[in-house]
N, C-alpha and C. Protein backbone atom coordinates (compact mmCIF):
# COMPACT_ATOMS: atom_id res chain seq x y z
N MET A 1 2.07 -15.01 3.79
CA MET A 1 1.62 -15.23 4.59
C MET A 1 0.18 -15.52 4.50
N THR A 2 -0.44 -16.19 5.40
CA THR A 2 -2.25 -15.73 4.78
C THR A 2 -2.53 -15.20 6.47
N LEU A 3 -3.93 -14.37 5.95
CA LEU A 3 -4.90 -12.76 6.09
C LEU A 3 -6.10 -13.38 6.61
N GLU A 4 -6.28 -13.46 8.01
CA GLU A 4 -8.58 -13.80 7.97
C GLU A 4 -8.59 -12.52 8.76
N ILE A 5 -9.89 -12.06 8.52
CA ILE A 5 -10.02 -10.88 8.68
C ILE A 5 -12.05 -10.94 8.74
N LEU A 6 -12.21 -11.10 10.30
CA LEU A 6 -13.59 -12.01 10.46
C LEU A 6 -14.70 -10.84 11.37
N THR A 7 -15.49 -10.73 11.33
CA THR A 7 -16.56 -9.89 12.42
C THR A 7 -17.38 -10.56 12.24
N PRO A 8 -18.13 -10.36 13.69
CA PRO A 8 -19.09 -11.73 14.51
C PRO A 8 -20.26 -12.20 13.49
N GLU A 9 -20.14 -10.97 12.21
CA GLU A 9 -21.36 -11.44 11.47
C GLU A 9 -20.97 -12.60 9.63
N LYS A 10 -19.59 -11.77 9.50
CA LYS A 10 -18.86 -12.40 8.47
C LYS A 10 -17.95 -12.32 8.52
N LYS A 11 -17.23 -12.76 6.85
CA LYS A 11 -16.08 -13.00 7.07
C LYS A 11 -15.55 -11.77 6.12
N ILE A 12 -14.26 -11.11 6.31
CA ILE A 12 -14.86 -9.59 5.67
C ILE A 12 -13.42 -10.02 4.51
N PHE A 13 -12.29 -10.60 4.94
CA PHE A 13 -10.81 -11.14 4.03
C PHE A 13 -10.31 -12.16 4.04
N SER A 14 -9.94 -13.03 3.19
CA SER A 14 -9.38 -14.47 3.36
C SER A 14 -8.24 -14.31 2.85
N GLY A 15 -6.73 -14.56 2.32
CA GLY A 15 -6.03 -14.53 1.42
C GLY A 15 -4.68 -14.84 1.79
N ASP A 16 -3.84 -14.66 0.61
CA ASP A 16 -2.03 -15.00 0.80
C ASP A 16 -1.75 -13.55 0.64
N VAL A 17 -1.23 -12.80 1.53
CA VAL A 17 -0.03 -11.36 1.63
C VAL A 17 0.68 -11.16 2.15
N TYR A 18 1.19 -9.41 1.75
CA TYR A 18 2.99 -9.39 2.28
C TYR A 18 2.70 -8.80 3.41
N GLY A 19 1.85 -8.47 3.84
CA GLY A 19 1.92 -7.97 5.02
C GLY A 19 0.52 -7.14 5.41
N VAL A 20 0.08 -6.65 7.21
CA VAL A 20 -0.66 -6.04 6.83
C VAL A 20 -0.47 -4.76 7.93
N GLN A 21 -0.70 -3.89 8.35
CA GLN A 21 -0.75 -2.41 9.12
C GLN A 21 -2.08 -2.06 9.74
N LEU A 22 -1.33 -2.99 11.23
CA LEU A 22 -3.02 -2.64 12.43
C LEU A 22 -2.45 -1.25 13.71
N PRO A 23 -3.77 -1.29 13.65
CA PRO A 23 -3.77 0.13 14.92
C PRO A 23 -3.94 -0.66 16.54
N GLY A 24 -2.57 -0.71 17.19
CA GLY A 24 -3.02 -1.30 18.20
C GLY A 24 -2.91 -0.63 19.04
N ILE A 25 -3.61 -0.95 19.52
CA ILE A 25 -3.89 0.26 21.32
C ILE A 25 -2.76 0.76 21.80
N ASN A 26 -1.39 1.15 21.82
CA ASN A 26 0.14 1.88 21.94
C ASN A 26 0.57 2.10 20.42
N GLY A 27 0.01 1.79 19.50
CA GLY A 27 -0.15 3.12 18.42
C GLY A 27 0.46 1.76 17.20
N LEU A 28 0.86 2.53 15.77
CA LEU A 28 0.56 2.08 14.99
C LEU A 28 1.39 0.37 14.83
N PHE A 29 1.44 -0.69 13.91
CA PHE A 29 2.20 -1.71 13.66
C PHE A 29 2.42 -2.47 12.40
N GLU A 30 3.08 -3.40 12.64
CA GLU A 30 2.68 -4.00 11.30
C GLU A 30 3.72 -5.69 10.89
N VAL A 31 2.50 -6.49 10.78
CA VAL A 31 2.99 -7.52 10.68
C VAL A 31 3.43 -8.01 9.25
N LEU A 32 4.59 -8.55 8.88
CA LEU A 32 5.07 -9.14 8.27
C LEU A 32 5.53 -10.96 7.65
N ASP A 33 5.96 -11.39 6.78
CA ASP A 33 5.73 -12.84 6.58
C ASP A 33 6.82 -13.85 7.61
N LYS A 34 6.33 -14.85 8.03
CA LYS A 34 7.32 -15.39 9.15
C LYS A 34 6.98 -14.30 10.37
N HIS A 35 6.24 -13.63 11.12
CA HIS A 35 6.64 -12.40 12.43
C HIS A 35 6.43 -13.53 13.87
N ALA A 36 7.28 -13.09 14.50
CA ALA A 36 6.90 -13.53 15.76
C ALA A 36 5.59 -14.14 16.52
N PRO A 37 5.13 -14.85 17.01
CA PRO A 37 3.45 -15.38 17.49
C PRO A 37 2.91 -13.84 18.52
N LEU A 38 2.02 -13.56 18.15
CA LEU A 38 1.77 -12.77 18.98
C LEU A 38 -0.34 -12.08 18.97
N VAL A 39 -0.45 -11.59 20.28
CA VAL A 39 -1.72 -11.28 20.68
C VAL A 39 -1.63 -10.11 21.02
N SER A 40 -2.70 -9.22 20.03
CA SER A 40 -2.81 -7.68 20.43
C SER A 40 -4.24 -7.59 20.82
N ALA A 41 -4.54 -6.26 21.17
CA ALA A 41 -5.82 -5.28 21.03
C ALA A 41 -5.29 -4.88 20.04
N LEU A 42 -6.71 -4.12 18.81
CA LEU A 42 -6.30 -3.34 18.63
C LEU A 42 -8.17 -2.05 18.32
N LYS A 43 -6.97 -0.96 18.10
CA LYS A 43 -8.44 0.53 18.71
C LYS A 43 -8.89 0.34 17.17
N GLU A 44 -9.60 1.28 17.25
CA GLU A 44 -10.22 1.82 16.07
C GLU A 44 -9.31 2.71 15.18
N GLY A 45 -9.46 1.81 14.14
CA GLY A 45 -8.70 2.65 13.40
C GLY A 45 -8.51 2.51 12.17
N LYS A 46 -7.26 2.62 11.27
CA LYS A 46 -7.14 2.09 9.65
C LYS A 46 -6.74 0.76 9.74
N LEU A 47 -7.21 -0.37 9.11
CA LEU A 47 -5.96 -0.97 8.95
C LEU A 47 -5.78 -1.75 7.60
N LYS A 48 -4.41 -1.64 6.69
CA LYS A 48 -4.12 -1.69 5.41
C LYS A 48 -3.59 -2.78 5.41
N ILE A 49 -4.24 -3.38 3.87
CA ILE A 49 -3.93 -4.96 3.75
C ILE A 49 -2.10 -4.60 2.21
N LEU A 50 -1.55 -4.93 2.62
CA LEU A 50 -0.13 -4.75 1.61
C LEU A 50 -0.44 -6.43 1.04
N LYS A 51 -0.42 -5.95 -0.42
CA LYS A 51 -0.70 -7.01 -1.06
C LYS A 51 0.01 -8.06 -1.84
N ASP A 52 0.91 -6.83 -1.28
CA ASP A 52 2.43 -7.22 -2.44
C ASP A 52 3.64 -6.70 -1.66
N LYS A 53 4.87 -6.47 -2.59
CA LYS A 53 5.95 -5.51 -1.91
C LYS A 53 5.39 -4.83 -3.10
N THR A 54 4.64 -4.44 -3.96
CA THR A 54 4.95 -2.73 -4.71
C THR A 54 3.92 -2.07 -3.35
N SER A 55 2.72 -0.93 -4.02
CA SER A 55 1.86 -0.56 -3.56
C SER A 55 0.40 -0.77 -3.76
N ASN A 56 0.67 -2.23 -4.10
CA ASN A 56 -0.66 -2.61 -4.10
C ASN A 56 -1.48 -2.95 -2.32
N THR A 57 -2.58 -2.34 -1.90
CA THR A 57 -2.88 -2.41 -0.72
C THR A 57 -4.47 -1.89 -1.07
N VAL A 58 -5.14 -2.70 0.16
CA VAL A 58 -6.70 -1.82 0.14
C VAL A 58 -6.88 -1.67 1.57
N SER A 59 -7.29 -1.10 2.38
CA SER A 59 -7.49 -0.61 3.55
C SER A 59 -9.35 -0.95 4.33
N TYR A 60 -8.95 -0.37 5.77
CA TYR A 60 -10.79 -0.71 6.12
C TYR A 60 -10.68 -0.27 7.24
N SER A 61 -11.25 0.50 7.51
CA SER A 61 -11.77 1.17 8.59
C SER A 61 -12.38 0.38 9.78
N ILE A 62 -11.63 -0.04 10.65
CA ILE A 62 -11.82 -1.22 12.00
C ILE A 62 -12.67 -0.28 13.59
N HIS A 63 -13.31 -0.88 13.79
CA HIS A 63 -14.10 -0.80 14.86
C HIS A 63 -13.34 -1.30 16.64
N GLY A 64 -12.80 -1.49 16.44
CA GLY A 64 -11.57 -2.20 17.30
C GLY A 64 -11.93 -3.80 17.76
N GLY A 65 -10.78 -4.74 17.92
CA GLY A 65 -10.85 -5.45 18.03
C GLY A 65 -9.53 -6.61 18.73
N PHE A 66 -9.47 -7.45 18.35
CA PHE A 66 -7.58 -8.86 18.17
C PHE A 66 -7.20 -8.96 17.04
N VAL A 67 -6.26 -9.36 17.32
CA VAL A 67 -5.14 -9.71 16.73
C VAL A 67 -3.85 -11.06 17.32
N GLU A 68 -4.17 -11.94 16.45
CA GLU A 68 -3.39 -13.56 16.65
C GLU A 68 -2.49 -14.11 15.24
N VAL A 69 -1.23 -14.22 15.98
CA VAL A 69 -0.36 -14.21 14.58
C VAL A 69 0.21 -15.48 15.22
N LEU A 70 0.25 -16.63 14.78
CA LEU A 70 0.80 -17.69 14.90
C LEU A 70 0.74 -18.66 13.77
N ASN A 71 2.21 -19.44 13.86
CA ASN A 71 2.48 -20.16 12.40
C ASN A 71 2.28 -19.19 10.66
N ASN A 72 2.42 -18.12 10.94
CA ASN A 72 2.36 -17.48 9.60
C ASN A 72 1.68 -17.46 9.00
N LYS A 73 0.36 -17.23 10.13
CA LYS A 73 -1.54 -16.95 9.99
C LYS A 73 -1.98 -15.71 10.91
N THR A 74 -2.04 -14.81 10.17
CA THR A 74 -3.31 -13.18 11.04
C THR A 74 -4.13 -13.59 10.73
N THR A 75 -4.69 -13.96 12.19
CA THR A 75 -6.59 -13.49 12.61
C THR A 75 -6.52 -12.28 12.87
N VAL A 76 -7.52 -11.46 12.62
CA VAL A 76 -7.99 -10.47 13.10
C VAL A 76 -9.59 -10.39 12.67
N LEU A 77 -9.68 -10.49 14.60
CA LEU A 77 -11.18 -9.94 14.44
C LEU A 77 -12.02 -9.13 15.35
N VAL A 78 -12.26 -8.37 14.49
CA VAL A 78 -13.04 -6.63 15.04
C VAL A 78 -14.82 -6.85 14.75
N GLU A 79 -14.72 -5.94 15.47
CA GLU A 79 -16.06 -5.88 15.93
C GLU A 79 -17.23 -5.58 14.71
N GLY A 80 -16.35 -4.36 13.98
CA GLY A 80 -16.69 -4.00 12.58
C GLY A 80 -16.17 -3.38 11.78
N ALA A 81 -16.06 -3.36 10.51
CA ALA A 81 -15.46 -3.04 9.21
C ALA A 81 -15.90 -2.59 7.91
N ASP A 82 -16.03 -1.58 7.24
CA ASP A 82 -15.63 -0.77 6.51
C ASP A 82 -14.57 -0.65 5.63
N GLU A 83 -15.08 -0.97 4.72
CA GLU A 83 -13.55 -1.38 3.19
C GLU A 83 -13.46 0.26 2.75
N LEU A 84 -12.23 1.15 2.79
CA LEU A 84 -11.64 2.49 2.46
C LEU A 84 -12.02 2.75 1.28
């Protein structure tokens, strides 16, 4: 699936990934390849990009925002993000 992470200032990440773990307002959830369409609010917390099925990951501390999943593309819009 394709993942984009955007802030008001710049694009933080763009590329093909295995999945992404997100801090939803009701708890942590994961989006994988061919996930059903979804829109959700995100709270401040840790976003983890799963680059492949092994333990190859990249993590960011995000400051809240929204995620949209549509047509195997996940777009994360956040107020700010810092790589961990």
